[in-house]
Amino acid sequence: MKVKLVPYDPDWPNQFQDIKAKLMAAIRHLEPVIEHVGSTSVPGLMAKPTIDIQIGMPSLDSLNLLHEHLLPHGFTRNSRWDHILPFRRFFVLLKQRPEGPDVPEILGPDFKGDVRSNWISVSNIHCVETSHQWFEDHLLFRDYLRQHPADRDAYAKIKQELAQQEWNITADYAGAKTSFIEAVKAKAKIWKSLADD
């Protein structure tokens, strides 16, 4: 399959706020830090039209409580990558494609399959402890690209090139961007250290 990228949509921040409100209704009492991350959070950057959200939790105990509090509010737990990222809890917010066949309304708390032939992922929700490096790195990458249009545009070019290739799953496409992302993160850490001085 090929990855569908679309031009930046100025409505993406509003979509994030709508999903954030839904999340806060479910977990406000757990004191989450909810941030818009990923390509849809960077003005001017093309992206898959899926809102990436990062939730930072104050402790491992509160992180592990997300499951029971998010599922009743329409979020689905995807444990497919838990063996690779055991520190993260990954949820998705799905909507059924208008032309898709009927499927059970509950996909299950430990959904591992790829249902995107029938469902559209509205949001990918990455949950970690705020003390984990993952949390800081994703915010730093976002903030750096927001302030450095040349690197943002270079990232867009790589994304476009990779999107033309055939991929078994979108995670393979994401993995192909890793070397560029790591190089930008290294630059971003220098940029942040200079800004902090």
Protein backbone atom coordinates (compact mmCIF):
# COMPACT_ATOMS: atom_id res chain seq x y z
CA MET A 1 0.00 0.00 0.00
CA LYS A 2 0.99 3.60 -0.45
CA VAL A 3 0.76 6.21 2.29
CA LYS A 4 -1.69 9.02 1.62
CA LEU A 5 -0.27 12.44 2.46
CA VAL A 6 -2.31 15.63 2.23
CA PRO A 7 -1.34 19.31 2.42
CA TYR A 8 -1.36 20.94 5.84
CA ASP A 9 -4.90 21.60 7.01
CA PRO A 10 -5.37 24.70 9.23
CA ASP A 11 -8.24 22.85 10.93
CA TRP A 12 -5.93 20.19 12.41
CA PRO A 13 -5.30 22.20 15.62
CA ASN A 14 -9.08 22.47 16.09
CA GLN A 15 -9.45 18.73 15.58
CA PHE A 16 -6.77 18.21 18.22
CA GLN A 17 -8.64 20.44 20.66
CA ASP A 18 -11.85 18.48 20.10
CA ILE A 19 -10.12 15.15 20.81
CA LYS A 20 -8.26 16.66 23.77
CA ALA A 21 -11.60 17.71 25.27
CA LYS A 22 -12.87 14.13 24.85
CA LEU A 23 -9.72 12.80 26.52
CA MET A 24 -9.92 15.27 29.39
CA ALA A 25 -13.52 14.30 30.05
CA ALA A 26 -12.28 10.75 30.61
CA ILE A 27 -8.98 11.23 32.45
CA ARG A 28 -8.76 14.77 33.86
CA HIS A 29 -8.60 13.35 37.38
CA LEU A 30 -5.39 11.49 36.46
CA GLU A 31 -3.63 14.81 35.73
CA PRO A 32 -2.47 14.14 32.17
CA VAL A 33 -0.38 16.47 30.01
CA ILE A 34 -1.95 16.30 26.55
CA GLU A 35 0.02 17.62 23.55
CA HIS A 36 -0.50 17.77 19.80
CA VAL A 37 2.54 16.11 18.18
CA GLY A 38 3.52 14.63 14.84
CA SER A 39 3.28 16.21 11.43
CA THR A 40 -0.26 17.55 11.87
CA SER A 41 1.09 19.73 14.70
CA VAL A 42 3.58 21.56 12.45
CA PRO A 43 2.04 24.36 10.35
CA GLY A 44 2.91 24.00 6.68
CA LEU A 45 3.91 20.32 6.87
CA MET A 46 2.08 17.74 4.80
CA ALA A 47 0.89 14.72 6.73
CA LYS A 48 -1.34 11.71 6.91
CA PRO A 49 -4.69 13.17 8.04
CA THR A 50 -4.50 11.49 11.45
CA ILE A 51 -4.05 13.60 14.57
CA ASP A 52 -1.11 12.38 16.67
CA ILE A 53 -1.52 13.07 20.35
CA GLN A 54 0.92 12.51 23.17
CA ILE A 55 -0.32 12.04 26.70
CA GLY A 56 2.19 12.40 29.50
CA MET A 57 1.24 10.76 32.78
CA PRO A 58 2.76 11.57 36.18
CA SER A 59 3.47 7.96 37.14
CA LEU A 60 3.46 4.38 35.91
CA ASP A 61 0.39 3.69 38.04
CA SER A 62 -1.58 6.47 36.35
CA LEU A 63 -0.31 5.33 32.94
CA ASN A 64 -1.69 1.86 33.59
CA LEU A 65 -5.08 3.29 34.59
CA LEU A 66 -5.65 4.79 31.13
CA HIS A 67 -6.98 1.51 29.75
CA GLU A 68 -10.00 1.34 32.03
CA HIS A 69 -10.80 5.05 31.70
CA LEU A 70 -10.39 5.51 27.92
CA LEU A 71 -12.17 2.42 26.57
CA PRO A 72 -15.63 3.48 27.83
CA HIS A 73 -15.18 6.81 26.03
CA GLY A 74 -14.72 5.31 22.57
CA PHE A 75 -10.96 4.90 22.43
CA THR A 76 -9.46 1.57 21.41
CA ARG A 77 -6.30 0.07 22.87
CA ASN A 78 -3.81 -1.15 20.28
CA SER A 79 -1.24 -3.43 21.91
CA ARG A 80 0.35 -4.51 18.63
CA TRP A 81 3.67 -2.75 19.35
CA ASP A 82 3.89 -3.30 23.11
CA HIS A 83 6.78 -5.74 22.76
CA ILE A 84 8.84 -3.05 20.95
CA LEU A 85 7.75 -0.04 23.06
CA PRO A 86 6.86 -1.52 26.47
CA PHE A 87 6.94 1.93 28.13
CA ARG A 88 4.15 3.24 25.88
CA ARG A 89 0.40 2.63 25.95
CA PHE A 90 -1.05 3.18 22.48
CA PHE A 91 -4.69 4.01 21.79
CA VAL A 92 -6.54 4.94 18.63
CA LEU A 93 -9.72 6.83 17.93
CA LEU A 94 -11.47 5.27 14.93
CA LYS A 95 -14.41 6.06 12.74
CA GLN A 96 -16.00 3.71 10.27
CA ARG A 97 -15.56 4.43 6.59
CA PRO A 98 -18.89 5.47 5.09
CA GLU A 99 -18.65 2.70 2.51
CA GLY A 100 -17.27 0.08 4.90
CA PRO A 101 -19.15 -3.06 5.93
CA ASP A 102 -20.69 -3.38 9.36
CA VAL A 103 -18.32 -4.63 12.05
CA PRO A 104 -18.74 -5.20 15.79
CA GLU A 105 -18.94 -1.91 17.67
CA ILE A 106 -16.29 -3.06 20.14
CA LEU A 107 -12.98 -4.03 18.58
CA GLY A 108 -11.68 -5.30 21.88
CA PRO A 109 -9.32 -3.94 24.52
CA ASP A 110 -6.28 -5.60 23.00
CA PHE A 111 -6.93 -5.00 19.31
CA LYS A 112 -3.81 -6.00 17.36
CA GLY A 113 -5.08 -6.19 13.80
CA ASP A 114 -5.22 -3.70 10.97
CA VAL A 115 -8.85 -2.72 10.47
CA ARG A 116 -8.16 0.25 8.25
CA SER A 117 -9.84 -1.36 5.28
CA ASN A 118 -13.09 -0.78 7.21
CA TRP A 119 -12.11 1.96 9.63
CA ILE A 120 -10.30 5.30 9.48
CA SER A 121 -7.91 6.24 12.27
CA VAL A 122 -8.90 9.72 13.40
CA SER A 123 -6.19 9.92 16.04
CA ASN A 124 -3.16 7.98 17.27
CA ILE A 125 -2.64 8.50 20.99
CA HIS A 126 0.79 7.76 22.45
CA CYS A 127 0.87 7.60 26.24
CA VAL A 128 4.03 7.60 28.34
CA GLU A 129 5.25 8.89 31.68
CA THR A 130 6.27 12.55 31.52
CA SER A 131 9.66 11.53 32.93
CA HIS A 132 10.39 9.30 29.92
CA GLN A 133 12.73 10.61 27.21
CA TRP A 134 10.09 9.76 24.58
CA PHE A 135 7.87 12.51 26.00
CA GLU A 136 10.52 15.23 25.75
CA ASP A 137 11.85 14.09 22.37
CA HIS A 138 8.49 14.31 20.62
CA LEU A 139 7.84 17.81 21.92
CA LEU A 140 11.34 18.93 20.99
CA PHE A 141 11.04 17.54 17.44
CA ARG A 142 7.71 19.35 17.00
CA ASP A 143 8.97 22.65 18.41
CA TYR A 144 12.15 22.54 16.32
CA LEU A 145 10.28 21.95 13.05
CA ARG A 146 7.86 24.76 13.90
CA GLN A 147 10.82 27.15 14.15
CA HIS A 148 12.97 25.82 11.27
CA PRO A 149 11.10 25.84 7.94
CA ALA A 150 14.10 24.55 5.95
CA ASP A 151 14.22 21.36 8.01
CA ARG A 152 10.41 21.13 7.93
CA ASP A 153 10.50 21.30 4.12
CA ALA A 154 13.33 18.74 3.92
CA TYR A 155 11.21 16.44 6.06
CA ALA A 156 8.24 16.98 3.74
CA LYS A 157 10.37 16.02 0.74
CA ILE A 158 11.48 12.76 2.36
CA LYS A 159 7.90 11.99 3.37
CA GLN A 160 6.72 12.55 -0.22
CA GLU A 161 9.41 10.28 -1.63
CA LEU A 162 8.65 7.51 0.84
CA ALA A 163 4.90 7.84 0.32
CA GLN A 164 5.32 6.84 -3.32
CA GLN A 165 6.71 3.44 -2.31
CA GLU A 166 4.68 0.34 -1.49
CA TRP A 167 4.53 -0.59 2.21
CA ASN A 168 3.12 -3.63 3.98
CA ILE A 169 2.01 -1.53 6.94
CA THR A 170 2.27 2.16 7.78
CA ALA A 171 4.74 1.35 10.58
CA ASP A 172 7.27 0.39 7.89
CA TYR A 173 6.83 3.82 6.32
CA ALA A 174 7.34 5.42 9.73
CA GLY A 175 10.47 3.35 10.31
CA ALA A 176 11.97 4.50 7.01
CA LYS A 177 11.93 8.08 8.31
CA THR A 178 13.94 7.21 11.44
CA SER A 179 17.42 8.25 10.27
CA PHE A 180 16.20 11.69 9.21
CA ILE A 181 14.22 12.14 12.43
CA GLU A 182 17.21 11.17 14.57
CA ALA A 183 19.42 13.67 12.72
CA VAL A 184 16.87 16.43 13.28
CA LYS A 185 16.52 15.48 16.96
CA ALA A 186 20.29 15.85 17.37
CA LYS A 187 20.13 19.34 15.86
CA ALA A 188 17.11 20.15 18.00
CA LYS A 189 18.94 19.24 21.20
CA ILE A 190 21.75 21.63 20.31
CA TRP A 191 19.19 24.31 19.44
CA LYS A 192 17.44 23.82 22.78
CA SER A 193 20.69 23.90 24.77
CA LEU A 194 21.67 27.19 23.11
CA ALA A 195 18.23 28.63 23.77
CA ASP A 196 18.45 27.60 27.44
CA ASP A 197 21.82 29.32 27.96
